[in-house]
Amino acid sequence: MKIKRKARKFTEFKKDFTLSATELFMFFLWRAFSIKFIIFMCLLQFISFIHGIKDCIIGKMVL
């Protein structure tokens, strides 16, 4: 009887643990994705900024 209860407790614990591990993984994945997304957006802004400067320089050279 005691062994059965312990086994059930263990399976419940295992279920909770796998759930929390999955949640943790998803959280880390989301964090990593959001950070990469922010960096990506900053890079895009920076690239467009450089292109703007380049266009200005080329425009001044042409003029």
N, C-alpha and C. Protein backbone atom coordinates (compact mmCIF):
# COMPACT_ATOMS: atom_id res chain seq x y z
N MET A 1 0.84 -1.20 0.00
CA MET A 1 0.00 0.00 0.00
C MET A 1 0.88 1.27 0.00
N LYS A 2 1.86 1.30 0.92
CA LYS A 2 2.75 2.46 1.01
C LYS A 2 3.55 2.64 -0.28
N ILE A 3 4.00 1.52 -0.82
CA ILE A 3 4.83 1.57 -2.05
C ILE A 3 4.00 2.18 -3.19
N LYS A 4 2.73 1.75 -3.28
CA LYS A 4 1.85 2.27 -4.34
C LYS A 4 1.70 3.78 -4.22
N ARG A 5 1.47 4.25 -3.00
CA ARG A 5 1.30 5.68 -2.77
C ARG A 5 2.57 6.44 -3.15
N LYS A 6 3.71 5.87 -2.75
CA LYS A 6 4.99 6.50 -3.08
C LYS A 6 5.18 6.58 -4.59
N ALA A 7 4.82 5.49 -5.27
CA ALA A 7 4.96 5.43 -6.73
C ALA A 7 4.07 6.50 -7.36
N ARG A 8 2.85 6.63 -6.85
CA ARG A 8 1.93 7.63 -7.40
C ARG A 8 2.49 9.04 -7.16
N LYS A 9 3.02 9.26 -5.97
CA LYS A 9 3.62 10.55 -5.65
C LYS A 9 4.79 10.83 -6.60
N PHE A 10 5.57 9.80 -6.86
CA PHE A 10 6.73 9.96 -7.74
C PHE A 10 6.28 10.30 -9.15
N THR A 11 5.26 9.59 -9.65
CA THR A 11 4.79 9.88 -11.01
C THR A 11 4.21 11.29 -11.08
N GLU A 12 3.49 11.71 -10.04
CA GLU A 12 2.96 13.07 -10.00
C GLU A 12 4.10 14.08 -10.02
N PHE A 13 5.13 13.78 -9.22
CA PHE A 13 6.29 14.67 -9.15
C PHE A 13 6.97 14.74 -10.52
N LYS A 14 7.11 13.55 -11.15
CA LYS A 14 7.74 13.49 -12.47
C LYS A 14 6.95 14.31 -13.49
N LYS A 15 5.62 14.18 -13.41
CA LYS A 15 4.76 14.92 -14.33
C LYS A 15 4.95 16.43 -14.12
N ASP A 16 4.94 16.84 -12.86
CA ASP A 16 5.15 18.26 -12.54
C ASP A 16 6.53 18.71 -13.00
N PHE A 17 7.51 17.87 -12.81
CA PHE A 17 8.88 18.23 -13.18
C PHE A 17 9.00 18.40 -14.69
N THR A 18 8.43 17.46 -15.44
CA THR A 18 8.52 17.57 -16.91
C THR A 18 7.78 18.81 -17.38
N LEU A 19 6.65 19.11 -16.76
CA LEU A 19 5.89 20.30 -17.11
C LEU A 19 6.72 21.55 -16.85
N SER A 20 7.31 21.61 -15.66
CA SER A 20 8.11 22.79 -15.31
C SER A 20 9.34 22.89 -16.22
N ALA A 21 9.93 21.76 -16.57
CA ALA A 21 11.10 21.76 -17.45
C ALA A 21 10.70 22.29 -18.82
N THR A 22 9.56 21.86 -19.30
CA THR A 22 9.07 22.34 -20.61
C THR A 22 8.80 23.83 -20.55
N GLU A 23 8.14 24.27 -19.46
CA GLU A 23 7.86 25.69 -19.29
C GLU A 23 9.16 26.48 -19.25
N LEU A 24 10.14 25.96 -18.51
CA LEU A 24 11.44 26.61 -18.39
C LEU A 24 12.10 26.73 -19.76
N PHE A 25 12.05 25.62 -20.53
CA PHE A 25 12.64 25.59 -21.87
C PHE A 25 11.96 26.62 -22.76
N MET A 26 10.62 26.66 -22.71
CA MET A 26 9.87 27.61 -23.53
C MET A 26 10.23 29.04 -23.13
N PHE A 27 10.35 29.25 -21.81
CA PHE A 27 10.69 30.58 -21.30
C PHE A 27 12.07 31.01 -21.82
N PHE A 28 13.05 30.09 -21.73
CA PHE A 28 14.39 30.41 -22.20
C PHE A 28 14.38 30.65 -23.70
N LEU A 29 13.61 29.82 -24.42
CA LEU A 29 13.50 29.96 -25.87
C LEU A 29 12.93 31.34 -26.20
N TRP A 30 11.86 31.72 -25.46
CA TRP A 30 11.22 33.02 -25.70
C TRP A 30 12.18 34.15 -25.39
N ARG A 31 12.90 34.01 -24.29
CA ARG A 31 13.87 35.04 -23.90
C ARG A 31 14.95 35.20 -24.97
N ALA A 32 15.50 34.06 -25.40
CA ALA A 32 16.55 34.08 -26.41
C ALA A 32 16.01 34.69 -27.70
N PHE A 33 14.78 34.29 -28.08
CA PHE A 33 14.20 34.80 -29.32
C PHE A 33 13.97 36.31 -29.22
N SER A 34 13.44 36.75 -28.08
CA SER A 34 13.16 38.18 -27.92
C SER A 34 14.45 38.99 -27.96
N ILE A 35 15.50 38.48 -27.30
CA ILE A 35 16.79 39.19 -27.29
C ILE A 35 17.36 39.24 -28.71
N LYS A 36 17.29 38.08 -29.42
CA LYS A 36 17.78 38.04 -30.80
C LYS A 36 16.97 38.99 -31.68
N PHE A 37 15.66 39.04 -31.42
CA PHE A 37 14.77 39.91 -32.20
C PHE A 37 15.15 41.38 -31.98
N ILE A 38 15.41 41.75 -30.72
CA ILE A 38 15.80 43.13 -30.39
C ILE A 38 17.11 43.47 -31.08
N ILE A 39 18.08 42.54 -31.02
CA ILE A 39 19.38 42.76 -31.66
C ILE A 39 19.20 42.91 -33.16
N PHE A 40 18.34 42.04 -33.73
CA PHE A 40 18.06 42.07 -35.16
C PHE A 40 17.46 43.42 -35.57
N MET A 41 16.50 43.90 -34.77
CA MET A 41 15.86 45.19 -35.07
C MET A 41 16.88 46.31 -34.98
N CYS A 42 17.75 46.26 -33.97
CA CYS A 42 18.80 47.28 -33.83
C CYS A 42 19.73 47.26 -35.04
N LEU A 43 20.08 46.05 -35.49
CA LEU A 43 20.95 45.91 -36.66
C LEU A 43 20.28 46.50 -37.89
N LEU A 44 18.98 46.21 -38.05
CA LEU A 44 18.23 46.75 -39.19
C LEU A 44 18.25 48.27 -39.16
N GLN A 45 18.01 48.84 -37.98
CA GLN A 45 18.01 50.30 -37.82
C GLN A 45 19.40 50.86 -38.18
N PHE A 46 20.43 50.17 -37.68
CA PHE A 46 21.81 50.60 -37.91
C PHE A 46 22.15 50.55 -39.40
N ILE A 47 21.73 49.44 -40.07
CA ILE A 47 22.01 49.27 -41.50
C ILE A 47 21.30 50.36 -42.31
N SER A 48 20.03 50.62 -41.96
CA SER A 48 19.29 51.66 -42.69
C SER A 48 19.94 53.03 -42.44
N PHE A 49 20.44 53.25 -41.22
CA PHE A 49 21.13 54.49 -40.88
C PHE A 49 22.38 54.66 -41.73
N ILE A 50 23.17 53.58 -41.85
CA ILE A 50 24.40 53.61 -42.66
C ILE A 50 24.05 53.87 -44.12
N HIS A 51 22.99 53.20 -44.60
CA HIS A 51 22.56 53.40 -45.98
C HIS A 51 22.16 54.86 -46.21
N GLY A 52 21.49 55.46 -45.21
CA GLY A 52 21.10 56.87 -45.31
C GLY A 52 22.31 57.77 -45.42
N ILE A 53 23.33 57.51 -44.59
CA ILE A 53 24.57 58.31 -44.62
C ILE A 53 25.25 58.15 -45.97
N LYS A 54 25.31 56.87 -46.45
CA LYS A 54 25.94 56.57 -47.73
C LYS A 54 25.24 57.33 -48.86
N ASP A 55 23.89 57.31 -48.83
CA ASP A 55 23.11 58.02 -49.85
C ASP A 55 23.40 59.52 -49.79
N CYS A 56 23.51 60.06 -48.57
CA CYS A 56 23.82 61.49 -48.40
C CYS A 56 25.17 61.81 -49.00
N ILE A 57 26.18 60.96 -48.70
CA ILE A 57 27.54 61.20 -49.20
C ILE A 57 27.56 61.11 -50.72
N ILE A 58 26.88 60.06 -51.25
CA ILE A 58 26.84 59.87 -52.71
C ILE A 58 26.12 61.06 -53.35
N GLY A 59 25.02 61.49 -52.71
CA GLY A 59 24.26 62.64 -53.23
C GLY A 59 25.11 63.90 -53.25
N LYS A 60 25.89 64.14 -52.20
CA LYS A 60 26.75 65.32 -52.13
C LYS A 60 27.86 65.23 -53.16
N MET A 61 28.39 64.02 -53.36
CA MET A 61 29.46 63.83 -54.34
C MET A 61 28.93 64.12 -55.73
N VAL A 62 27.70 63.60 -55.99
CA VAL A 62 27.10 63.81 -57.32
C VAL A 62 26.82 65.30 -57.52
N LEU A 63 26.29 65.94 -56.47
CA LEU A 63 25.99 67.38 -56.57
C LEU A 63 27.32 68.16 -56.50
